[in-house]
PDB file of all heavy atoms in Angstrom:
ATOM      1  N   ILE A   1      -3.361   9.501   4.955  1.00  0.00           N
ATOM      2  CA  ILE A   1      -4.553   9.061   4.321  1.00  0.00           C
ATOM      3  C   ILE A   1      -4.640   9.637   2.911  1.00  0.00           C
ATOM      4  O   ILE A   1      -4.990   8.975   1.945  1.00  0.00           O
ATOM      5  CB  ILE A   1      -5.781   9.406   5.176  1.00  0.00           C
ATOM      6  CG1 ILE A   1      -5.774   8.689   6.518  1.00  0.00           C
ATOM      7  CG2 ILE A   1      -7.066   9.115   4.372  1.00  0.00           C
ATOM      8  CD1 ILE A   1      -5.817   7.142   6.362  1.00  0.00           C
ATOM      9  N   LEU A   2      -4.344  10.944   2.785  1.00  0.00           N
ATOM     10  CA  LEU A   2      -4.294  11.585   1.490  1.00  0.00           C
ATOM     11  C   LEU A   2      -3.306  10.960   0.575  1.00  0.00           C
ATOM     12  O   LEU A   2      -3.594  10.698  -0.594  1.00  0.00           O
ATOM     13  CB  LEU A   2      -4.029  13.094   1.652  1.00  0.00           C
ATOM     14  CG  LEU A   2      -5.212  13.950   2.139  1.00  0.00           C
ATOM     15  CD1 LEU A   2      -4.733  15.431   2.341  1.00  0.00           C
ATOM     16  CD2 LEU A   2      -6.367  13.886   1.191  1.00  0.00           C
ATOM     17  N   ALA A   3      -2.088  10.675   1.069  1.00  0.00           N
ATOM     18  CA  ALA A   3      -1.049  10.056   0.220  1.00  0.00           C
ATOM     19  C   ALA A   3      -1.570   8.724  -0.326  1.00  0.00           C
ATOM     20  O   ALA A   3      -1.429   8.400  -1.492  1.00  0.00           O
ATOM     21  CB  ALA A   3       0.276   9.935   0.994  1.00  0.00           C
ATOM     22  N   LYS A   4      -2.161   7.883   0.572  1.00  0.00           N
ATOM     23  CA  LYS A   4      -2.585   6.604   0.213  1.00  0.00           C
ATOM     24  C   LYS A   4      -3.735   6.663  -0.773  1.00  0.00           C
ATOM     25  O   LYS A   4      -3.798   5.893  -1.722  1.00  0.00           O
ATOM     26  CB  LYS A   4      -3.066   5.785   1.430  1.00  0.00           C
ATOM     27  CG  LYS A   4      -1.856   5.320   2.282  1.00  0.00           C
ATOM     28  CD  LYS A   4      -2.276   4.504   3.476  1.00  0.00           C
ATOM     29  CE  LYS A   4      -1.087   3.935   4.180  1.00  0.00           C
ATOM     30  NZ  LYS A   4      -1.390   2.774   4.951  1.00  0.00           N
ATOM     31  N   THR A   5      -4.635   7.646  -0.622  1.00  0.00           N
ATOM     32  CA  THR A   5      -5.739   7.855  -1.545  1.00  0.00           C
ATOM     33  C   THR A   5      -5.251   8.256  -2.896  1.00  0.00           C
ATOM     34  O   THR A   5      -5.705   7.623  -3.904  1.00  0.00           O
ATOM     35  CB  THR A   5      -6.725   8.920  -0.931  1.00  0.00           C
ATOM     36  OG1 THR A   5      -7.193   8.437   0.281  1.00  0.00           O
ATOM     37  CG2 THR A   5      -7.912   9.109  -1.856  1.00  0.00           C
ATOM     38  N   ILE A   6      -4.344   9.197  -2.967  1.00  0.00           N
ATOM     39  CA  ILE A   6      -3.851   9.670  -4.228  1.00  0.00           C
ATOM     40  C   ILE A   6      -3.047   8.547  -4.992  1.00  0.00           C
ATOM     41  O   ILE A   6      -3.162   8.379  -6.195  1.00  0.00           O
ATOM     42  CB  ILE A   6      -2.962  10.974  -4.038  1.00  0.00           C
ATOM     43  CG1 ILE A   6      -3.944  12.090  -3.580  1.00  0.00           C
ATOM     44  CG2 ILE A   6      -2.205  11.320  -5.315  1.00  0.00           C
ATOM     45  CD1 ILE A   6      -3.221  13.275  -3.077  1.00  0.00           C
ATOM     46  N   ILE A   7      -2.225   7.841  -4.246  1.00  0.00           N
ATOM     47  CA  ILE A   7      -1.496   6.710  -4.843  1.00  0.00           C
ATOM     48  C   ILE A   7      -2.440   5.649  -5.426  1.00  0.00           C
ATOM     49  O   ILE A   7      -2.220   5.190  -6.550  1.00  0.00           O
ATOM     50  CB  ILE A   7      -0.577   6.099  -3.782  1.00  0.00           C
ATOM     51  CG1 ILE A   7       0.614   7.033  -3.538  1.00  0.00           C
ATOM     52  CG2 ILE A   7      -0.038   4.719  -4.294  1.00  0.00           C
ATOM     53  CD1 ILE A   7       1.441   6.633  -2.319  1.00  0.00           C
ATOM     54  N   LYS A   8      -3.494   5.351  -4.679  1.00  0.00           N
ATOM     55  CA  LYS A   8      -4.492   4.405  -5.248  1.00  0.00           C
ATOM     56  C   LYS A   8      -5.146   4.973  -6.509  1.00  0.00           C
ATOM     57  O   LYS A   8      -5.270   4.242  -7.492  1.00  0.00           O
ATOM     58  CB  LYS A   8      -5.537   4.085  -4.202  1.00  0.00           C
ATOM     59  CG  LYS A   8      -6.528   3.040  -4.721  1.00  0.00           C
ATOM     60  CD  LYS A   8      -7.441   2.594  -3.630  1.00  0.00           C
ATOM     61  CE  LYS A   8      -8.345   1.498  -4.288  1.00  0.00           C
ATOM     62  NZ  LYS A   8      -9.143   0.738  -3.265  1.00  0.00           N
ATOM     63  N   ARG A   9      -5.516   6.191  -6.470  1.00  0.00           N
ATOM     64  CA  ARG A   9      -6.243   6.762  -7.646  1.00  0.00           C
ATOM     65  C   ARG A   9      -5.271   6.985  -8.861  1.00  0.00           C
ATOM     66  O   ARG A   9      -5.694   6.761  -9.942  1.00  0.00           O
ATOM     67  CB  ARG A   9      -6.792   8.159  -7.291  1.00  0.00           C
ATOM     68  CG  ARG A   9      -8.016   8.021  -6.424  1.00  0.00           C
ATOM     69  CD  ARG A   9      -8.730   9.370  -6.117  1.00  0.00           C
ATOM     70  NE  ARG A   9      -9.807   9.139  -5.236  1.00  0.00           N
ATOM     71  CZ  ARG A   9     -10.480  10.133  -4.703  1.00  0.00           C
ATOM     72  NH1 ARG A   9     -10.162  11.411  -5.028  1.00  0.00           N
ATOM     73  NH2 ARG A   9     -11.476   9.980  -3.892  1.00  0.00           N
ATOM     74  N   THR A  10      -4.051   7.326  -8.555  1.00  0.00           N
ATOM     75  CA  THR A  10      -3.104   7.570  -9.682  1.00  0.00           C
ATOM     76  C   THR A  10      -2.459   6.332 -10.244  1.00  0.00           C
ATOM     77  O   THR A  10      -2.405   6.161 -11.454  1.00  0.00           O
ATOM     78  CB  THR A  10      -1.966   8.524  -9.115  1.00  0.00           C
ATOM     79  OG1 THR A  10      -2.563   9.727  -8.619  1.00  0.00           O
ATOM     80  CG2 THR A  10      -1.028   8.864 -10.226  1.00  0.00           C
ATOM     81  N   PHE A  11      -2.089   5.381  -9.310  1.00  0.00           N
ATOM     82  CA  PHE A  11      -1.357   4.169  -9.848  1.00  0.00           C
ATOM     83  C   PHE A  11      -2.167   2.888  -9.632  1.00  0.00           C
ATOM     84  O   PHE A  11      -1.707   1.862 -10.086  1.00  0.00           O
ATOM     85  CB  PHE A  11      -0.066   4.078  -8.991  1.00  0.00           C
ATOM     86  CG  PHE A  11       0.849   5.204  -9.133  1.00  0.00           C
ATOM     87  CD1 PHE A  11       0.985   6.134  -8.163  1.00  0.00           C
ATOM     88  CD2 PHE A  11       1.679   5.312 -10.261  1.00  0.00           C
ATOM     89  CE1 PHE A  11       1.841   7.291  -8.328  1.00  0.00           C
ATOM     90  CE2 PHE A  11       2.580   6.401 -10.408  1.00  0.00           C
ATOM     91  CZ  PHE A  11       2.641   7.379  -9.441  1.00  0.00           C
ATOM     92  N   GLY A  12      -3.310   2.954  -9.095  1.00  0.00           N
ATOM     93  CA  GLY A  12      -4.164   1.750  -8.883  1.00  0.00           C
ATOM     94  C   GLY A  12      -3.608   0.802  -7.869  1.00  0.00           C
ATOM     95  O   GLY A  12      -3.897  -0.392  -7.881  1.00  0.00           O
ATOM     96  N   ILE A  13      -2.752   1.307  -6.943  1.00  0.00           N
ATOM     97  CA  ILE A  13      -2.163   0.443  -5.926  1.00  0.00           C
ATOM     98  C   ILE A  13      -2.953   0.605  -4.675  1.00  0.00           C
ATOM     99  O   ILE A  13      -3.154   1.601  -4.144  1.00  0.00           O
ATOM    100  CB  ILE A  13      -0.684   0.893  -5.662  1.00  0.00           C
ATOM    101  CG1 ILE A  13       0.151   0.749  -6.929  1.00  0.00           C
ATOM    102  CG2 ILE A  13      -0.063   0.079  -4.560  1.00  0.00           C
ATOM    103  CD1 ILE A  13       1.515   1.452  -6.808  1.00  0.00           C
ATOM    104  N   ASP A  14      -3.436  -0.598  -4.131  1.00  0.00           N
ATOM    105  CA  ASP A  14      -4.212  -0.562  -2.871  1.00  0.00           C
ATOM    106  C   ASP A  14      -3.227  -0.495  -1.748  1.00  0.00           C
ATOM    107  O   ASP A  14      -2.530  -1.442  -1.425  1.00  0.00           O
ATOM    108  CB  ASP A  14      -5.076  -1.856  -2.772  1.00  0.00           C
ATOM    109  CG  ASP A  14      -5.959  -1.806  -1.552  1.00  0.00           C
ATOM    110  OD1 ASP A  14      -6.031  -0.691  -0.894  1.00  0.00           O
ATOM    111  OD2 ASP A  14      -6.607  -2.807  -1.251  1.00  0.00           O
ATOM    112  N   THR A  15      -3.191   0.631  -1.097  1.00  0.00           N
ATOM    113  CA  THR A  15      -2.250   0.957   0.002  1.00  0.00           C
ATOM    114  C   THR A  15      -2.970   0.858   1.318  1.00  0.00           C
ATOM    115  O   THR A  15      -2.352   1.249   2.328  1.00  0.00           O
ATOM    116  CB  THR A  15      -1.581   2.292  -0.161  1.00  0.00           C
ATOM    117  OG1 THR A  15      -2.597   3.305  -0.235  1.00  0.00           O
ATOM    118  CG2 THR A  15      -0.728   2.392  -1.445  1.00  0.00           C
ATOM    119  N   LYS A  16      -4.197   0.435   1.370  1.00  0.00           N
ATOM    120  CA  LYS A  16      -5.006   0.458   2.577  1.00  0.00           C
ATOM    121  C   LYS A  16      -4.235  -0.069   3.750  1.00  0.00           C
ATOM    122  O   LYS A  16      -4.173   0.548   4.826  1.00  0.00           O
ATOM    123  CB  LYS A  16      -6.278  -0.346   2.350  1.00  0.00           C
ATOM    124  CG  LYS A  16      -7.239  -0.326   3.476  1.00  0.00           C
ATOM    125  CD  LYS A  16      -8.540  -1.067   3.179  1.00  0.00           C
ATOM    126  CE  LYS A  16      -9.481  -1.192   4.301  1.00  0.00           C
ATOM    127  NZ  LYS A  16     -10.655  -1.890   3.927  1.00  0.00           N
ATOM    128  N   MET A  17      -3.678  -1.275   3.683  1.00  0.00           N
ATOM    129  CA  MET A  17      -3.016  -1.876   4.843  1.00  0.00           C
ATOM    130  C   MET A  17      -1.498  -1.928   4.653  1.00  0.00           C
ATOM    131  O   MET A  17      -0.762  -2.590   5.396  1.00  0.00           O
ATOM    132  CB  MET A  17      -3.568  -3.294   5.075  1.00  0.00           C
ATOM    133  CG  MET A  17      -5.076  -3.316   5.422  1.00  0.00           C
ATOM    134  SD  MET A  17      -5.545  -2.123   6.711  1.00  0.00           S
ATOM    135  CE  MET A  17      -4.784  -2.836   8.160  1.00  0.00           C
ATOM    136  N   GLN A  18      -1.007  -1.211   3.656  1.00  0.00           N
ATOM    137  CA  GLN A  18       0.420  -1.218   3.435  1.00  0.00           C
ATOM    138  C   GLN A  18       1.156  -0.053   4.152  1.00  0.00           C
ATOM    139  O   GLN A  18       0.634   1.038   4.177  1.00  0.00           O
ATOM    140  CB  GLN A  18       0.637  -1.039   1.908  1.00  0.00           C
ATOM    141  CG  GLN A  18       1.584  -1.971   1.341  1.00  0.00           C
ATOM    142  CD  GLN A  18       1.694  -1.776  -0.160  1.00  0.00           C
ATOM    143  OE1 GLN A  18       2.448  -0.907  -0.600  1.00  0.00           O
ATOM    144  NE2 GLN A  18       0.956  -2.555  -0.903  1.00  0.00           N
ATOM    145  N   GLU A  19       2.260  -0.352   4.763  1.00  0.00           N
ATOM    146  CA  GLU A  19       2.971   0.743   5.468  1.00  0.00           C
ATOM    147  C   GLU A  19       4.026   1.279   4.492  1.00  0.00           C
ATOM    148  O   GLU A  19       4.622   0.581   3.668  1.00  0.00           O
ATOM    149  CB  GLU A  19       3.689   0.134   6.716  1.00  0.00           C
ATOM    150  CG  GLU A  19       2.722  -0.177   7.817  1.00  0.00           C
ATOM    151  CD  GLU A  19       3.412  -0.311   9.173  1.00  0.00           C
ATOM    152  OE1 GLU A  19       4.270   0.517   9.475  1.00  0.00           O
ATOM    153  OE2 GLU A  19       3.114  -1.303   9.806  1.00  0.00           O
ATOM    154  N   PHE A  20       4.239   2.581   4.617  1.00  0.00           N
ATOM    155  CA  PHE A  20       5.279   3.251   3.880  1.00  0.00           C
ATOM    156  C   PHE A  20       6.580   2.904   4.633  1.00  0.00           C
ATOM    157  O   PHE A  20       6.690   2.795   5.821  1.00  0.00           O
ATOM    158  CB  PHE A  20       5.092   4.784   3.874  1.00  0.00           C
ATOM    159  CG  PHE A  20       3.915   5.229   3.123  1.00  0.00           C
ATOM    160  CD1 PHE A  20       3.148   6.278   3.612  1.00  0.00           C
ATOM    161  CD2 PHE A  20       3.510   4.582   1.949  1.00  0.00           C
ATOM    162  CE1 PHE A  20       2.075   6.745   2.913  1.00  0.00           C
ATOM    163  CE2 PHE A  20       2.360   5.055   1.298  1.00  0.00           C
ATOM    164  CZ  PHE A  20       1.670   6.122   1.734  1.00  0.00           C
ATOM    165  N   ALA A  21       7.676   2.735   3.850  1.00  0.00           N
ATOM    166  CA  ALA A  21       9.001   2.627   4.406  1.00  0.00           C
ATOM    167  C   ALA A  21       9.601   4.073   4.236  1.00  0.00           C
ATOM    168  O   ALA A  21       9.046   4.855   3.530  1.00  0.00           O
ATOM    169  CB  ALA A  21       9.840   1.598   3.665  1.00  0.00           C
ATOM    170  N   TYR A  22      10.690   4.287   4.930  1.00  0.00           N
ATOM    171  CA  TYR A  22      11.281   5.619   4.901  1.00  0.00           C
ATOM    172  C   TYR A  22      12.791   5.516   4.593  1.00  0.00           C
ATOM    173  O   TYR A  22      13.489   4.644   5.116  1.00  0.00           O
ATOM    174  CB  TYR A  22      11.119   6.319   6.214  1.00  0.00           C
ATOM    175  CG  TYR A  22       9.634   6.614   6.472  1.00  0.00           C
ATOM    176  CD1 TYR A  22       8.797   5.706   7.050  1.00  0.00           C
ATOM    177  CD2 TYR A  22       9.075   7.791   5.997  1.00  0.00           C
ATOM    178  CE1 TYR A  22       7.408   5.935   7.191  1.00  0.00           C
ATOM    179  CE2 TYR A  22       7.682   8.078   6.144  1.00  0.00           C
ATOM    180  CZ  TYR A  22       6.910   7.098   6.752  1.00  0.00           C
ATOM    181  OH  TYR A  22       5.547   7.408   6.934  1.00  0.00           O
ATOM    182  N   SER A  23      13.255   6.398   3.688  1.00  0.00           N
ATOM    183  CA  SER A  23      14.705   6.388   3.306  1.00  0.00           C
ATOM    184  C   SER A  23      15.502   6.993   4.466  1.00  0.00           C
ATOM    185  O   SER A  23      14.900   7.452   5.468  1.00  0.00           O
ATOM    186  CB  SER A  23      14.916   7.304   2.096  1.00  0.00           C
ATOM    187  OG  SER A  23      14.755   8.632   2.410  1.00  0.00           O
ATOM    188  N   GLU A  24      16.821   6.973   4.381  1.00  0.00           N
ATOM    189  CA  GLU A  24      17.664   7.532   5.446  1.00  0.00           C
ATOM    190  C   GLU A  24      17.378   8.956   5.672  1.00  0.00           C
ATOM    191  O   GLU A  24      17.680   9.505   6.742  1.00  0.00           O
ATOM    192  CB  GLU A  24      19.114   7.249   5.092  1.00  0.00           C
ATOM    193  CG  GLU A  24      19.584   7.928   3.857  1.00  0.00           C
ATOM    194  CD  GLU A  24      21.020   7.621   3.498  1.00  0.00           C
ATOM    195  OE1 GLU A  24      21.364   6.405   3.291  1.00  0.00           O
ATOM    196  OE2 GLU A  24      21.854   8.539   3.481  1.00  0.00           O
ATOM    197  N   HIS A  25      16.800   9.685   4.677  1.00  0.00           N
ATOM    198  CA  HIS A  25      16.508  11.134   4.846  1.00  0.00           C
ATOM    199  C   HIS A  25      15.068  11.326   5.225  1.00  0.00           C
ATOM    200  O   HIS A  25      14.607  12.461   5.209  1.00  0.00           O
ATOM    201  CB  HIS A  25      16.876  11.870   3.559  1.00  0.00           C
ATOM    202  CG  HIS A  25      18.291  11.788   3.214  1.00  0.00           C
ATOM    203  ND1 HIS A  25      19.291  12.322   3.972  1.00  0.00           N
ATOM    204  CD2 HIS A  25      18.926  11.102   2.231  1.00  0.00           C
ATOM    205  CE1 HIS A  25      20.467  12.082   3.380  1.00  0.00           C
ATOM    206  NE2 HIS A  25      20.299  11.274   2.372  1.00  0.00           N
ATOM    207  N   GLY A  26      14.330  10.244   5.495  1.00  0.00           N
ATOM    208  CA  GLY A  26      12.958  10.366   5.918  1.00  0.00           C
ATOM    209  C   GLY A  26      11.923  10.424   4.812  1.00  0.00           C
ATOM    210  O   GLY A  26      10.748  10.604   5.088  1.00  0.00           O
ATOM    211  N   LYS A  27      12.302  10.266   3.571  1.00  0.00           N
ATOM    212  CA  LYS A  27      11.359  10.275   2.504  1.00  0.00           C
ATOM    213  C   LYS A  27      10.574   9.002   2.382  1.00  0.00           C
ATOM    214  O   LYS A  27      11.197   7.938   2.352  1.00  0.00           O
ATOM    215  CB  LYS A  27      12.048  10.543   1.172  1.00  0.00           C
ATOM    216  CG  LYS A  27      11.102  10.726   0.027  1.00  0.00           C
ATOM    217  CD  LYS A  27      11.794  11.218  -1.244  1.00  0.00           C
ATOM    218  CE  LYS A  27      10.750  11.375  -2.336  1.00  0.00           C
ATOM    219  NZ  LYS A  27      11.298  11.921  -3.542  1.00  0.00           N
TER     220      LYS A  27
END
């Protein structure tokens, strides 16, 4: 929730219903 909130505030991207994907190293 914090990551999504900060991304929205910093980049203006609505991440409310967006899922994060993960790299092969889990990032």
